[in-house]
Amino acid sequence: MSIERPGDFPYTRGIHPTMYQGRRWTMRQYAGFGDAADTNRRFKYLLEKGQTGLSCAFDLPTQMGYDSDHPMAAGEVGKVGVAIASVADMATLLDGLPLGEVSTSMTINATAGTLLAFYAAVAQERGVPTSALRGTIQNDVLKEYMARGTYIYPPRPSMRLITDLFAWCGEHTPQWNTISISGYHIREAGSSAAQEIAFTLADGIAYVDAAIAAGLHVDAFAPRLSFFFNAHNDFLEEIGKFRAARRMWARIMRDRFGARDPKSLMLRFHTQTAGSTLTAQQVDNNVVRVTLQALAAVMGGTQSLHTNSKDEALALPTEASARLALRTQQVIAYESGVASHPDPFGGSHVVEGITDRLEAEALALIAEIDGLGGMVAAIERGFPQREIQDSAWKAQRAVDKREQIVVGVNEYVDAEPPGGELLRVDAALERAQVARLKAFRAARNEGEVRGALARLQDAAAGSANTMPCVLAAVSAHATLGEVADTLRGVFGVYQESVVV
C-alpha cells in the first residue's frame, strides 16, 4: 500500500509533516453561562488549569438576535451560554484577558458579525489593533437551517452577511478565522459519518462560491476558512472520517476552485466530543466515552479540541467536571505517547478502507447536492434535512431494538437515579442583566445610535459591506437586538417549511 507522507497533498495524513511532535493541538474548552462576569471567571479558571485557547458559548437570546430584556428572552438569559447584549457586556467578558495573545473561538452564527464587532470594539478601546486579534467566529448559518435552528434571516441575505465578514476580516483581522464550517451540529442532529462529511464540505463549497461571486479571490480568503467536526463513538470510523474530509477538501479547493496557495487546500479543524452520546444514566461512563472520542480526534489530526464534561446530559458543567474534561486531554497529550507519531494508523488496511469508503459515500452525496443546484437550493428543498432525519430515526430505532447497545441505557442498567452536584443558573441573574442593559441604554447618545443604525439600514438595503456599519453602531452603543432588528427590517425573517 502506497500512501503519501504527513504534510503532503492531499493531506490525508495531516496538514503538517510532524503534526504534534512540534506543537500539541490547542486545548479549547467550550465555556459560557450566566452573565459576562460569570463566564470571565470560568475562562480564567480554565486558563489557570492549562487550557491553551478560549471558546465561548452564547445564550439563546444572543444567538437569535434578542436583547436580554426582550420578551422572547424571558427565562433563557444565561441558561445555555453567556448573555451578551452590548459592548459593555463584551468588555466584562474579556476583562483581564490578553486579547493580542490569546486565541478566542466564538460559537455564534446569525449574529456573528455583531459579536465580532463587539470583540473588535473592545480591543480598540484597549489599544489592541484588530490586526493582532486571533480566533474564530463560527459564522456558519447554512447548518442552522438543516440541523440546529438558530437562524434569523433567509439563507441568501445570510450568505451576503457572511461574505461581508470575509471581506472585512481580510482587510482588518488577517489572523482571524472568518468561519468555522460546522459538521458538529449536523452529527448531533443524527447524521451518519458520511453525511457529516458531505454536508459540511457542501456548505464549504457554497461559502466559497458566494465569496467568489462577491468578488473575492479564492486564495485571499480560503486560508482563513476553518472547520468544526464531531468525534463520535465508533473509534476507527471517526479517524477515517477526519482523514477523508481532509483529502476531499484539498482536491475540491484545487480542482473545483483553482486554489494555488497550499494553505487554501488545508482543512484545518476543531473537534468537540459528541454531546449526543452523553447519558444522564451512570454519568461516570461519559468520561470513558469522551476519552475514546478525544483520542480518535487526535489520531485523526485535529488542530484543536474540546472534551465534554461528564455531567452535560444533566446541566452545564461544574468547575470540577470541566477540570476533569480538560485533564482528559492533557493525559492524552502528555502521557499516552500518541502525539509522538503523525497519523499512527496510516497504512492500516482497516483505517485506509474506512477512509476510502467514507470518501466515496460523501462524494456521492455532494454530487446529489450539486444536481439540486448547490447547498442553498438543497436546503430550500429540504434535502439534507430529510437525510439527517432518516439517519437519526434509524439510529434511534437500533437503540430501541437493542441492536445498538448503550451502556447504562438499554443494557447494564442500574436502578439508582442520577445524582451529584449540578450547576444551576440563579434566576436573579436575569434581573441583574436586564437592569445593567437598561442603564447602558440610558447613558448613551440616542442620536448617535439612531444615526449609526440608519446607516446600517442603508448599507443592508444596498450593496455596501455591512461590517463597518455594524462596528460603528456597536461602538456608538447600539445593542445586539437593535442591530438584528435593523437587519430584520431589510432582510425579513426565515420561516422554516415542514420537511417530510
Protein backbone atom coordinates (compact mmCIF):
# COMPACT_ATOMS: atom_id res chain seq x y z
CA MET A 1 0.00 0.00 0.00
CA SER A 2 1.47 3.36 -1.07
CA ILE A 3 0.38 6.47 0.81
CA GLU A 4 1.80 9.98 1.00
CA ARG A 5 3.67 11.35 3.97
CA PRO A 6 2.03 13.62 6.56
CA GLY A 7 2.14 17.20 5.31
CA ASP A 8 1.97 16.21 1.63
CA PHE A 9 -1.01 16.86 -0.67
CA PRO A 10 -3.85 15.84 -0.34
CA TYR A 11 -3.10 15.90 3.40
CA THR A 12 -4.88 12.63 4.20
CA ARG A 13 -2.30 12.01 6.92
CA GLY A 14 -2.28 15.54 8.33
CA ILE A 15 -1.56 19.10 7.28
CA HIS A 16 1.90 19.25 8.90
CA PRO A 17 4.82 16.82 8.46
CA THR A 18 5.45 16.47 12.19
CA MET A 19 1.94 17.17 13.49
CA TYR A 20 2.03 17.16 17.32
CA GLN A 21 5.74 16.44 17.63
CA GLY A 22 6.43 20.16 17.37
CA ARG A 23 3.24 21.58 18.90
CA ARG A 24 0.26 19.99 20.61
CA TRP A 25 -3.27 20.73 19.50
CA THR A 26 -4.99 23.73 21.11
CA MET A 27 -6.95 22.67 24.18
CA ARG A 28 -10.00 24.86 23.78
CA GLN A 29 -12.71 24.05 26.31
CA TYR A 30 -16.15 25.42 25.40
CA ALA A 31 -17.44 27.64 28.21
CA GLY A 32 -20.18 30.15 28.77
CA PHE A 33 -23.07 30.58 31.19
CA GLY A 34 -24.78 33.24 33.26
CA ASP A 35 -23.60 36.78 32.74
CA ALA A 36 -20.32 38.08 31.37
CA ALA A 37 -18.66 38.17 34.80
CA ASP A 38 -19.54 34.50 35.46
CA THR A 39 -18.03 33.37 32.18
CA ASN A 40 -14.98 35.59 32.59
CA ARG A 41 -14.26 33.78 35.86
CA ARG A 42 -14.65 30.39 34.15
CA PHE A 43 -12.29 31.48 31.34
CA LYS A 44 -9.64 32.46 33.86
CA TYR A 45 -10.14 29.24 35.81
CA LEU A 46 -9.62 27.12 32.69
CA LEU A 47 -6.55 29.11 31.61
CA GLU A 48 -5.13 28.65 35.10
CA LYS A 49 -5.66 24.88 34.75
CA GLY A 50 -3.72 24.72 31.49
CA GLN A 51 -6.23 25.46 28.73
CA THR A 52 -4.47 26.99 25.71
CA GLY A 53 -7.35 28.77 23.92
CA LEU A 54 -10.77 30.25 24.73
CA SER A 55 -14.11 29.07 23.35
CA CYS A 56 -17.30 30.96 24.14
CA ALA A 57 -20.88 29.69 24.25
CA PHE A 58 -23.66 32.30 23.99
CA ASP A 59 -27.17 32.05 25.35
CA LEU A 60 -30.15 31.59 23.03
CA PRO A 61 -31.29 35.24 23.06
CA THR A 62 -27.80 36.31 21.93
CA GLN A 63 -27.78 33.65 19.23
CA MET A 64 -31.23 34.70 17.99
CA GLY A 65 -30.62 38.44 18.00
CA TYR A 66 -32.68 39.40 21.07
CA ASP A 67 -31.53 41.66 23.87
CA SER A 68 -31.72 40.23 27.38
CA ASP A 69 -34.83 42.31 28.19
CA HIS A 70 -36.79 41.25 25.09
CA PRO A 71 -39.96 39.23 25.85
CA MET A 72 -38.58 36.37 23.76
CA ALA A 73 -35.55 36.19 26.08
CA ALA A 74 -37.57 35.63 29.25
CA GLY A 75 -36.35 32.59 31.14
CA GLU A 76 -33.44 31.95 28.73
CA VAL A 77 -30.90 34.59 29.80
CA GLY A 78 -27.59 32.94 30.61
CA LYS A 79 -29.03 29.43 30.51
CA VAL A 80 -27.13 27.65 27.70
CA GLY A 81 -24.36 30.20 27.31
CA VAL A 82 -23.37 33.69 28.33
CA ALA A 83 -25.68 36.68 27.81
CA ILE A 84 -24.03 39.36 25.64
CA ALA A 85 -26.26 42.23 24.56
CA SER A 86 -23.82 45.15 24.37
CA VAL A 87 -20.21 46.17 24.00
CA ALA A 88 -20.20 46.70 27.78
CA ASP A 89 -21.07 43.03 28.29
CA MET A 90 -18.24 42.05 25.94
CA ALA A 91 -15.80 44.27 27.85
CA THR A 92 -16.73 42.46 31.07
CA LEU A 93 -16.42 39.06 29.37
CA LEU A 94 -12.87 39.89 28.22
CA ASP A 95 -11.75 41.71 31.36
CA GLY A 96 -8.14 40.90 32.21
CA LEU A 97 -7.62 38.65 29.19
CA PRO A 98 -4.67 39.36 26.84
CA LEU A 99 -6.56 39.95 23.60
CA GLY A 100 -3.42 40.28 21.49
CA GLU A 101 -2.09 36.94 22.74
CA VAL A 102 -4.94 34.53 23.43
CA SER A 103 -6.94 32.89 20.63
CA THR A 104 -10.72 33.08 21.07
CA SER A 105 -13.39 31.00 19.37
CA MET A 106 -16.99 32.23 19.41
CA THR A 107 -19.85 29.85 18.63
CA ILE A 108 -22.25 32.32 17.07
CA ASN A 109 -23.89 32.32 13.67
CA ALA A 110 -26.82 34.55 12.71
CA THR A 111 -25.40 37.41 14.83
CA ALA A 112 -21.74 36.58 14.14
CA GLY A 113 -20.90 39.98 12.67
CA THR A 114 -22.27 41.80 15.71
CA LEU A 115 -20.33 39.66 18.21
CA LEU A 116 -17.11 40.08 16.23
CA ALA A 117 -17.77 43.83 16.13
CA PHE A 118 -18.18 43.84 19.94
CA TYR A 119 -14.87 41.98 20.25
CA ALA A 120 -13.07 44.36 17.86
CA ALA A 121 -14.53 47.43 19.59
CA VAL A 122 -13.29 46.23 22.99
CA ALA A 123 -9.85 45.55 21.53
CA GLN A 124 -9.71 49.04 20.01
CA GLU A 125 -10.72 50.60 23.34
CA ARG A 126 -7.81 48.75 24.96
CA GLY A 127 -5.31 49.81 22.33
CA VAL A 128 -5.01 46.35 20.75
CA PRO A 129 -5.00 46.62 16.94
CA THR A 130 -7.53 44.43 15.17
CA SER A 131 -4.68 43.04 13.09
CA ALA A 132 -3.34 41.37 16.25
CA LEU A 133 -6.58 39.55 17.08
CA ARG A 134 -6.55 35.76 16.73
CA GLY A 135 -9.55 33.50 16.87
CA THR A 136 -12.51 32.03 15.03
CA ILE A 137 -16.10 33.11 14.55
CA GLN A 138 -18.40 30.21 13.72
CA ASN A 139 -20.49 32.25 11.25
CA ASP A 140 -21.91 29.08 9.63
CA VAL A 141 -25.59 29.74 9.04
CA LEU A 142 -26.30 27.02 6.48
CA LYS A 143 -26.05 24.22 9.04
CA GLU A 144 -28.54 26.15 11.21
CA TYR A 145 -31.25 25.66 8.60
CA MET A 146 -30.68 21.91 8.40
CA ALA A 147 -29.64 20.92 11.92
CA ARG A 148 -29.69 23.48 14.72
CA GLY A 149 -32.30 26.21 14.23
CA THR A 150 -30.63 29.42 15.43
CA TYR A 151 -31.16 31.31 12.19
CA ILE A 152 -32.76 34.74 11.79
CA TYR A 153 -32.71 35.87 8.16
CA PRO A 154 -33.41 33.85 4.98
CA PRO A 155 -30.46 31.91 3.51
CA ARG A 156 -29.50 34.28 0.70
CA PRO A 157 -29.15 37.52 2.72
CA SER A 158 -27.44 35.43 5.40
CA MET A 159 -24.85 34.41 2.80
CA ARG A 160 -24.35 38.10 1.97
CA LEU A 161 -23.59 38.89 5.65
CA ILE A 162 -21.07 36.04 5.73
CA THR A 163 -19.17 37.25 2.67
CA ASP A 164 -19.26 40.81 4.04
CA LEU A 165 -17.50 39.47 7.13
CA PHE A 166 -14.97 37.57 4.96
CA ALA A 167 -14.04 40.77 3.12
CA TRP A 168 -13.85 42.93 6.26
CA CYS A 169 -11.69 40.42 8.13
CA GLY A 170 -9.35 40.05 5.17
CA GLU A 171 -8.58 43.76 5.49
CA HIS A 172 -8.77 44.31 9.26
CA THR A 173 -8.26 40.99 11.10
CA PRO A 174 -5.98 38.90 8.87
CA GLN A 175 -5.22 36.38 11.67
CA TRP A 176 -8.90 35.71 12.38
CA ASN A 177 -10.63 32.59 11.01
CA THR A 178 -13.69 34.04 9.31
CA ILE A 179 -15.86 30.94 9.52
CA SER A 180 -15.94 27.57 11.24
CA ILE A 181 -17.86 25.35 8.84
CA SER A 182 -19.58 23.01 11.22
CA GLY A 183 -20.36 19.35 10.84
CA TYR A 184 -20.64 19.04 14.61
CA HIS A 185 -24.27 20.08 14.80
CA ILE A 186 -25.15 18.05 11.71
CA ARG A 187 -23.88 14.94 13.51
CA GLU A 188 -25.61 15.96 16.75
CA ALA A 189 -28.89 16.12 14.81
CA GLY A 190 -28.46 12.48 13.83
CA SER A 191 -26.42 12.29 10.62
CA SER A 192 -24.07 9.46 9.76
CA ALA A 193 -20.31 9.99 9.48
CA ALA A 194 -20.51 10.16 5.67
CA GLN A 195 -23.37 12.69 5.84
CA GLU A 196 -21.39 14.79 8.30
CA ILE A 197 -18.50 15.00 5.82
CA ALA A 198 -20.71 15.58 2.78
CA PHE A 199 -22.99 18.25 4.20
CA THR A 200 -20.13 20.08 5.89
CA LEU A 201 -17.99 20.21 2.76
CA ALA A 202 -21.03 21.09 0.63
CA ASP A 203 -21.63 24.04 2.98
CA GLY A 204 -17.97 24.96 2.48
CA ILE A 205 -18.40 24.83 -1.29
CA ALA A 206 -21.42 27.16 -1.01
CA TYR A 207 -19.43 29.67 1.05
CA VAL A 208 -16.52 29.62 -1.38
CA ASP A 209 -18.91 30.06 -4.32
CA ALA A 210 -20.58 33.00 -2.58
CA ALA A 211 -17.28 34.67 -1.74
CA ILE A 212 -16.01 34.35 -5.31
CA ALA A 213 -19.33 35.71 -6.61
CA ALA A 214 -18.86 38.68 -4.25
CA GLY A 215 -15.56 39.46 -5.96
CA LEU A 216 -13.08 37.86 -3.56
CA HIS A 217 -10.11 35.87 -4.89
CA VAL A 218 -10.10 32.32 -3.59
CA ASP A 219 -6.53 32.45 -2.24
CA ALA A 220 -7.30 35.74 -0.48
CA PHE A 221 -9.87 34.20 1.89
CA ALA A 222 -9.56 30.40 1.72
CA PRO A 223 -6.56 30.13 4.10
CA ARG A 224 -8.76 31.54 6.90
CA LEU A 225 -11.58 29.03 6.42
CA SER A 226 -11.77 26.51 9.25
CA PHE A 227 -13.95 23.53 10.06
CA PHE A 228 -15.59 22.01 13.13
CA PHE A 229 -16.29 18.30 13.43
CA ASN A 230 -17.87 15.90 15.89
CA ALA A 231 -15.95 13.00 17.46
CA HIS A 232 -18.40 10.13 17.86
CA ASN A 233 -18.19 6.69 19.40
CA ASP A 234 -17.01 4.47 16.52
CA PHE A 235 -13.30 4.93 17.15
CA LEU A 236 -11.84 3.74 13.84
CA GLU A 237 -14.63 5.21 11.71
CA GLU A 238 -14.06 8.62 13.26
CA ILE A 239 -10.33 8.50 12.47
CA GLY A 240 -11.18 7.61 8.87
CA LYS A 241 -13.75 10.40 8.74
CA PHE A 242 -11.22 13.11 9.58
CA ARG A 243 -8.72 11.71 7.06
CA ALA A 244 -11.33 11.50 4.29
CA ALA A 245 -12.60 15.04 4.89
CA ARG A 246 -9.08 16.48 4.74
CA ARG A 247 -8.30 14.67 1.47
CA MET A 248 -11.60 15.66 -0.13
CA TRP A 249 -11.29 19.34 0.76
CA ALA A 250 -7.76 19.58 -0.67
CA ARG A 251 -8.95 18.21 -4.00
CA ILE A 252 -12.12 20.32 -4.02
CA MET A 253 -10.16 23.51 -3.48
CA ARG A 254 -7.50 22.66 -6.08
CA ASP A 255 -9.65 21.09 -8.79
CA ARG A 256 -13.01 22.84 -8.37
CA PHE A 257 -11.88 26.33 -7.37
CA GLY A 258 -8.34 26.54 -8.74
CA ALA A 259 -6.76 27.47 -5.41
CA ARG A 260 -2.97 27.50 -5.55
CA ASP A 261 -1.85 28.59 -2.10
CA PRO A 262 -1.17 25.36 -0.15
CA LYS A 263 -2.87 26.94 2.88
CA SER A 264 -6.07 27.23 0.83
CA LEU A 265 -6.03 23.46 0.38
CA MET A 266 -5.51 22.52 4.02
CA LEU A 267 -8.59 21.57 6.00
CA ARG A 268 -7.91 22.88 9.50
CA PHE A 269 -10.46 21.81 12.06
CA HIS A 270 -11.60 21.95 15.66
CA THR A 271 -13.20 18.90 17.21
CA GLN A 272 -15.70 18.53 20.02
CA THR A 273 -16.61 15.20 21.55
CA ALA A 274 -20.19 14.10 20.93
CA GLY A 275 -22.73 15.66 23.27
CA SER A 276 -25.47 13.44 21.87
CA THR A 277 -23.68 10.33 23.15
CA LEU A 278 -23.61 11.54 26.77
CA THR A 279 -26.10 9.80 29.03
CA ALA A 280 -27.91 11.00 32.13
CA GLN A 281 -27.71 7.42 33.40
CA GLN A 282 -24.40 6.42 35.01
CA VAL A 283 -22.72 9.73 34.18
CA ASP A 284 -19.25 8.43 35.05
CA ASN A 285 -19.44 6.27 31.92
CA ASN A 286 -19.32 9.54 29.95
CA VAL A 287 -15.69 10.01 30.98
CA VAL A 288 -14.82 6.81 29.10
CA ARG A 289 -16.86 7.83 26.05
CA VAL A 290 -15.21 11.26 25.94
CA THR A 291 -11.73 9.77 26.28
CA LEU A 292 -12.25 7.45 23.31
CA GLN A 293 -13.75 10.25 21.22
CA ALA A 294 -10.93 12.65 22.08
CA LEU A 295 -8.34 10.02 21.23
CA ALA A 296 -9.99 9.47 17.83
CA ALA A 297 -9.83 13.23 17.15
CA VAL A 298 -6.12 13.31 18.00
CA MET A 299 -5.41 10.21 15.89
CA GLY A 300 -7.33 11.91 13.09
CA GLY A 301 -5.18 15.05 13.23
CA THR A 302 -7.36 17.76 14.80
CA GLN A 303 -5.92 21.25 15.32
CA SER A 304 -7.91 22.00 18.47
CA LEU A 305 -10.14 20.03 20.78
CA HIS A 306 -12.94 20.41 23.30
CA THR A 307 -13.73 17.49 25.59
CA ASN A 308 -17.26 17.42 27.02
CA SER A 309 -17.83 17.18 30.75
CA LYS A 310 -19.46 14.08 32.19
CA ASP A 311 -22.49 15.93 33.60
CA GLU A 312 -23.57 17.78 30.44
CA ALA A 313 -26.51 15.44 29.84
CA LEU A 314 -27.95 16.92 33.04
CA ALA A 315 -26.76 20.52 33.28
CA LEU A 316 -24.00 22.95 32.45
CA PRO A 317 -20.67 21.56 33.72
CA THR A 318 -19.43 22.30 37.20
CA GLU A 319 -15.86 23.52 37.70
CA ALA A 320 -14.81 20.06 38.88
CA SER A 321 -16.22 18.25 35.84
CA ALA A 322 -14.82 20.89 33.46
CA ARG A 323 -11.40 20.39 35.04
CA LEU A 324 -11.65 16.61 34.61
CA ALA A 325 -12.59 17.06 30.94
CA LEU A 326 -9.53 19.26 30.41
CA ARG A 327 -7.33 16.79 32.30
CA THR A 328 -8.53 14.08 29.88
CA GLN A 329 -6.92 15.99 27.01
CA GLN A 330 -3.77 16.60 29.00
CA VAL A 331 -3.33 12.91 29.82
CA ILE A 332 -3.72 12.03 26.14
CA ALA A 333 -1.27 14.76 25.16
CA TYR A 334 1.47 14.10 27.68
CA GLU A 335 1.11 10.55 28.94
CA SER A 336 -0.28 8.36 26.15
CA GLY A 337 2.58 8.77 23.67
CA VAL A 338 0.23 9.12 20.68
CA ALA A 339 1.34 12.71 19.99
CA SER A 340 4.78 11.41 19.03
CA HIS A 341 3.52 9.79 15.81
CA PRO A 342 1.82 11.69 12.95
CA ASP A 343 -1.14 9.66 11.65
CA PRO A 344 -0.20 6.47 13.52
CA PHE A 345 -2.95 4.50 11.72
CA GLY A 346 -1.71 5.47 8.25
CA GLY A 347 -1.30 2.33 6.18
CA SER A 348 -3.69 0.28 8.29
CA HIS A 349 -5.84 -1.77 5.91
CA VAL A 350 -8.85 -1.20 8.17
CA VAL A 351 -8.47 2.57 8.54
CA GLU A 352 -7.46 3.14 4.91
CA GLY A 353 -10.52 1.11 3.84
CA ILE A 354 -12.81 3.15 6.10
CA THR A 355 -11.28 6.37 4.76
CA ASP A 356 -11.92 5.31 1.16
CA ARG A 357 -15.47 4.17 1.91
CA LEU A 358 -16.46 7.39 3.65
CA GLU A 359 -14.94 9.47 0.86
CA ALA A 360 -16.93 7.57 -1.79
CA GLU A 361 -20.20 7.90 0.16
CA ALA A 362 -19.65 11.60 0.84
CA LEU A 363 -18.73 12.36 -2.78
CA ALA A 364 -21.96 10.70 -3.94
CA LEU A 365 -23.98 12.94 -1.60
CA ILE A 366 -22.14 16.07 -2.77
CA ALA A 367 -22.94 15.09 -6.37
CA GLU A 368 -26.64 14.91 -5.42
CA ILE A 369 -26.43 18.37 -3.84
CA ASP A 370 -24.71 19.75 -6.95
CA GLY A 371 -27.53 18.28 -9.01
CA LEU A 372 -30.05 20.21 -6.94
CA GLY A 373 -28.23 23.48 -7.61
CA GLY A 374 -25.92 23.61 -4.59
CA MET A 375 -26.42 23.59 -0.86
CA VAL A 376 -28.58 26.70 -0.54
CA ALA A 377 -31.04 25.30 -3.08
CA ALA A 378 -30.83 21.85 -1.48
CA ILE A 379 -31.71 23.30 1.93
CA GLU A 380 -34.61 25.24 0.42
CA ARG A 381 -35.89 21.91 -0.97
CA GLY A 382 -35.33 20.08 2.32
CA PHE A 383 -32.84 17.52 1.01
CA PRO A 384 -30.23 17.50 3.80
CA GLN A 385 -32.93 17.87 6.44
CA ARG A 386 -34.65 14.69 5.21
CA GLU A 387 -31.39 12.78 5.01
CA ILE A 388 -30.48 13.70 8.60
CA GLN A 389 -33.97 12.90 9.89
CA ASP A 390 -33.89 9.45 8.27
CA SER A 391 -30.43 8.72 9.68
CA ALA A 392 -31.46 9.85 13.18
CA TRP A 393 -34.57 7.66 13.08
CA LYS A 394 -32.55 4.60 12.05
CA ALA A 395 -30.01 5.20 14.82
CA GLN A 396 -32.72 5.58 17.49
CA ARG A 397 -34.55 2.51 16.20
CA ALA A 398 -31.35 0.48 16.56
CA VAL A 399 -31.08 1.57 20.21
CA ASP A 400 -34.77 0.87 20.87
CA LYS A 401 -34.44 -2.65 19.39
CA ARG A 402 -31.16 -3.18 21.27
CA GLU A 403 -29.28 -3.73 18.03
CA GLN A 404 -27.01 -0.91 19.28
CA ILE A 405 -26.01 -1.20 22.93
CA VAL A 406 -25.73 1.96 25.03
CA VAL A 407 -24.19 1.03 28.35
CA GLY A 408 -26.39 2.08 31.25
CA VAL A 409 -29.35 2.89 28.98
CA ASN A 410 -30.53 -0.29 27.24
CA GLU A 411 -28.05 -2.72 28.79
CA TYR A 412 -26.16 -2.94 32.08
CA VAL A 413 -28.81 -0.71 33.63
CA ASP A 414 -28.70 0.33 37.28
CA ALA A 415 -31.76 1.33 39.29
CA GLU A 416 -30.13 4.31 41.03
CA PRO A 417 -31.29 7.77 39.82
CA PRO A 418 -28.65 10.20 38.57
CA GLY A 419 -27.24 12.42 41.28
CA GLY A 420 -24.30 14.57 42.22
CA GLU A 421 -23.63 18.29 42.25
CA LEU A 422 -25.07 20.22 39.31
CA LEU A 423 -24.54 23.79 38.16
CA ARG A 424 -27.66 25.96 38.36
CA VAL A 425 -28.08 29.47 36.95
CA ASP A 426 -29.80 31.68 39.54
CA ALA A 427 -33.00 33.36 38.30
CA ALA A 428 -31.77 36.61 39.90
CA LEU A 429 -29.07 36.77 37.23
CA GLU A 430 -31.61 37.64 34.54
CA ARG A 431 -33.00 40.55 36.56
CA ALA A 432 -29.49 41.92 37.15
CA GLN A 433 -28.58 41.55 33.47
CA VAL A 434 -31.74 43.39 32.40
CA ALA A 435 -31.04 46.22 34.87
CA ARG A 436 -27.48 46.63 33.52
CA LEU A 437 -28.79 46.74 29.96
CA LYS A 438 -31.35 49.44 30.77
CA ALA A 439 -28.66 51.52 32.48
CA PHE A 440 -26.41 51.06 29.45
CA ARG A 441 -29.09 52.42 27.13
CA ALA A 442 -29.90 55.32 29.44
CA ALA A 443 -26.30 56.54 29.42
CA ARG A 444 -25.75 56.65 25.64
CA ASN A 445 -26.27 59.33 22.99
CA GLU A 446 -29.52 58.29 21.32
CA GLY A 447 -28.91 60.49 18.29
CA GLU A 448 -25.60 58.78 17.56
CA VAL A 449 -27.17 55.35 17.95
CA ARG A 450 -30.11 56.14 15.64
CA GLY A 451 -27.79 57.65 13.03
CA ALA A 452 -25.49 54.63 13.08
CA LEU A 453 -28.43 52.22 12.75
CA ALA A 454 -29.85 54.24 9.84
CA ARG A 455 -26.51 53.96 8.03
CA LEU A 456 -26.53 50.22 8.65
CA GLN A 457 -30.04 50.01 7.21
CA ASP A 458 -28.92 51.84 4.07
CA ALA A 459 -25.88 49.57 3.66
CA ALA A 460 -28.01 46.43 4.06
CA ALA A 461 -30.58 47.70 1.57
CA GLY A 462 -27.81 48.47 -0.93
CA SER A 463 -24.63 46.65 -1.83
CA ALA A 464 -22.09 48.16 0.58
CA ASN A 465 -20.28 45.96 3.07
CA THR A 466 -22.35 45.91 6.27
CA MET A 467 -19.50 45.16 8.70
CA PRO A 468 -18.12 48.73 9.00
CA CYS A 469 -21.65 49.92 9.79
CA VAL A 470 -22.16 47.18 12.39
CA LEU A 471 -18.87 48.12 14.06
CA ALA A 472 -19.82 51.81 14.04
CA ALA A 473 -23.25 51.01 15.51
CA VAL A 474 -21.97 48.92 18.42
CA SER A 475 -19.20 51.46 19.07
CA ALA A 476 -21.97 54.07 19.38
CA HIS A 477 -23.56 51.69 21.92
CA ALA A 478 -26.29 50.13 19.81
CA THR A 479 -27.29 46.79 21.31
CA LEU A 480 -27.23 43.38 19.70
CA GLY A 481 -31.02 43.34 19.40
CA GLU A 482 -31.12 46.76 17.77
CA VAL A 483 -28.59 45.70 15.13
CA ALA A 484 -30.53 42.47 14.48
CA ASP A 485 -33.85 44.32 14.29
CA THR A 486 -32.39 46.74 11.75
CA LEU A 487 -31.32 43.82 9.56
CA ARG A 488 -34.67 42.06 10.10
CA GLY A 489 -36.35 45.16 8.73
CA VAL A 490 -34.34 44.87 5.50
CA PHE A 491 -33.93 41.12 5.03
CA GLY A 492 -37.02 39.69 6.71
CA VAL A 493 -37.14 36.56 8.87
CA TYR A 494 -36.77 32.98 7.68
CA GLN A 495 -39.83 30.78 8.09
CA GLU A 496 -38.93 27.10 8.17
CA SER A 497 -41.02 24.85 5.94
CA VAL A 498 -42.14 21.39 7.09
CA VAL A 499 -39.86 18.65 5.78
CA VAL A 500 -41.50 15.23 5.32
